[in-house]
Protein backbone atom coordinates (compact mmCIF):
# COMPACT_ATOMS: atom_id res chain seq x y z
CA UNK A 1 99.78 86.36 36.02
CA UNK A 2 103.37 86.23 35.58
CA UNK A 3 105.56 89.21 36.85
CA UNK A 4 108.77 89.68 35.01
CA UNK A 5 111.63 89.26 36.91
CA UNK A 6 114.99 91.60 36.14
CA UNK A 7 118.34 92.26 37.60
CA UNK A 8 120.38 95.70 36.31
CA UNK A 9 123.44 96.27 37.93
CA UNK A 10 125.12 99.66 37.33
CA UNK A 11 127.90 101.82 39.37
CA UNK A 12 126.92 104.82 41.20
CA UNK A 13 130.56 106.25 41.66
CA UNK A 14 132.48 103.22 43.14
CA UNK A 15 129.21 101.71 44.38
CA UNK A 16 127.60 98.93 43.01
CA UNK A 17 123.60 99.47 42.31
CA UNK A 18 121.52 96.62 42.28
CA UNK A 19 118.27 97.23 40.78
CA UNK A 20 115.76 94.07 41.04
CA UNK A 21 112.29 94.16 39.40
CA UNK A 22 109.61 91.56 40.11
CA UNK A 23 109.19 88.86 42.72
CA UNK A 24 112.25 87.59 44.32
CA UNK A 25 111.41 83.74 45.46
CA UNK A 26 112.74 80.40 44.93
CA UNK A 27 112.62 80.40 41.29
CA UNK A 28 114.44 83.75 40.87
CA UNK A 29 116.76 83.73 43.93
CA UNK A 30 119.51 81.50 42.27
CA UNK A 31 120.30 84.82 39.64
CA UNK A 32 119.97 87.33 42.44
CA UNK A 33 122.62 85.26 44.62
CA UNK A 34 125.09 84.91 41.65
CA UNK A 35 124.78 88.75 40.98
CA UNK A 36 125.27 89.68 44.64
CA UNK A 37 127.92 86.85 45.40
CA UNK A 38 130.15 88.42 42.28
CA UNK A 39 129.70 92.14 43.69
CA UNK A 40 130.69 90.94 47.24
CA UNK A 41 133.61 89.29 45.83
CA UNK A 42 134.53 92.20 43.98
CA UNK A 43 135.58 93.69 47.48
CA UNK A 44 133.11 96.76 47.50
CA UNK A 45 132.42 97.56 51.04
CA UNK A 46 129.13 99.03 50.19
CA UNK A 47 126.29 98.10 48.06
CA UNK A 48 122.64 99.52 47.26
CA UNK A 49 119.97 97.09 46.53
CA UNK A 50 117.02 98.67 44.95
CA UNK A 51 113.80 96.60 45.55
CA UNK A 52 111.48 99.67 44.75
CA UNK A 53 109.90 97.33 41.76
CA UNK A 54 109.93 94.34 43.77
CA UNK A 55 106.58 93.11 44.51
CA UNK A 56 107.22 90.17 46.86
CA UNK A 57 110.01 88.59 48.59
CA UNK A 58 109.63 85.00 49.93
CA UNK A 59 112.12 83.56 52.56
CA UNK A 60 114.48 82.36 49.94
CA UNK A 61 114.88 85.77 48.80
CA UNK A 62 115.27 87.34 52.15
CA UNK A 63 118.17 84.63 53.22
CA UNK A 64 119.76 85.24 49.79
CA UNK A 65 120.04 89.23 50.85
CA UNK A 66 121.06 88.29 54.58
CA UNK A 67 123.60 86.18 53.13
CA UNK A 68 125.34 88.92 51.08
CA UNK A 69 124.90 91.39 53.93
CA UNK A 70 126.66 88.68 56.37
CA UNK A 71 129.44 88.38 53.97
CA UNK A 72 129.72 92.08 53.64
CA UNK A 73 129.78 92.57 57.10
CA UNK A 74 133.06 90.18 57.42
CA UNK A 75 135.15 93.30 55.76
CA UNK A 76 133.15 95.91 57.52
CA UNK A 77 131.14 96.51 54.48
CA UNK A 78 127.25 97.40 54.43
CA UNK A 79 124.08 96.78 52.51
CA UNK A 80 121.64 99.76 52.02
CA UNK A 81 118.39 98.61 50.62
CA UNK A 82 115.72 100.67 48.84
CA UNK A 83 112.52 99.52 49.75
CA UNK A 84 109.22 102.02 49.76
CA UNK A 85 106.48 99.13 49.35
CA UNK A 86 105.22 98.55 52.99
CA UNK A 87 104.59 94.68 52.70
CA UNK A 88 108.38 94.28 51.38
CA UNK A 89 109.77 96.60 54.20
CA UNK A 90 107.72 95.13 56.80
CA UNK A 91 109.41 91.78 55.83
CA UNK A 92 112.91 93.15 56.62
CA UNK A 93 111.58 94.88 59.85
CA UNK A 94 109.90 91.64 61.13
CA UNK A 95 113.22 89.37 60.44
CA UNK A 96 115.17 91.57 62.24
CA UNK A 97 117.47 92.55 59.50
CA UNK A 98 117.02 95.91 59.28
CA UNK A 99 118.87 96.04 62.62
CA UNK A 100 121.97 94.07 61.44
CA UNK A 101 124.22 95.65 58.67
CA UNK A 102 121.27 96.42 56.39
CA UNK A 103 119.74 99.73 56.24
CA UNK A 104 116.74 100.44 54.77
CA UNK A 105 115.84 103.80 52.81
CA UNK A 106 112.61 104.98 50.85
CA UNK A 107 114.57 106.45 47.97
CA UNK A 108 117.81 105.55 45.76
CA UNK A 109 119.34 109.14 46.49
CA UNK A 110 119.37 108.71 49.96
CA UNK A 111 120.86 105.22 50.14
CA UNK A 112 123.68 106.27 48.00
CA UNK A 113 124.31 109.27 50.06
CA UNK A 114 125.08 107.23 53.22
């Protein structure tokens, strides 16, 4: 079974809103890395990454997201992650990334409001 992977970038006011669908793994990570790197390089202090439609994330995907968060933190930026699937949320909690400059939210509206 092949799950379609897509990334859609919008701006919610002045905040980049990155909506990802499918699986984030070694095959799809380069695309996500490219998008996040471009957004972070643009100087935005806050980025919202919507993983509501992500069914699976591997360590490569987690590393890509962690790298973007680390880069944002160098300029006091922050990454808000929308994640309501228990299996995906658990990966962030176990890795300890949710205690760094990544905040987890159940809804996009809450992630954008902070």
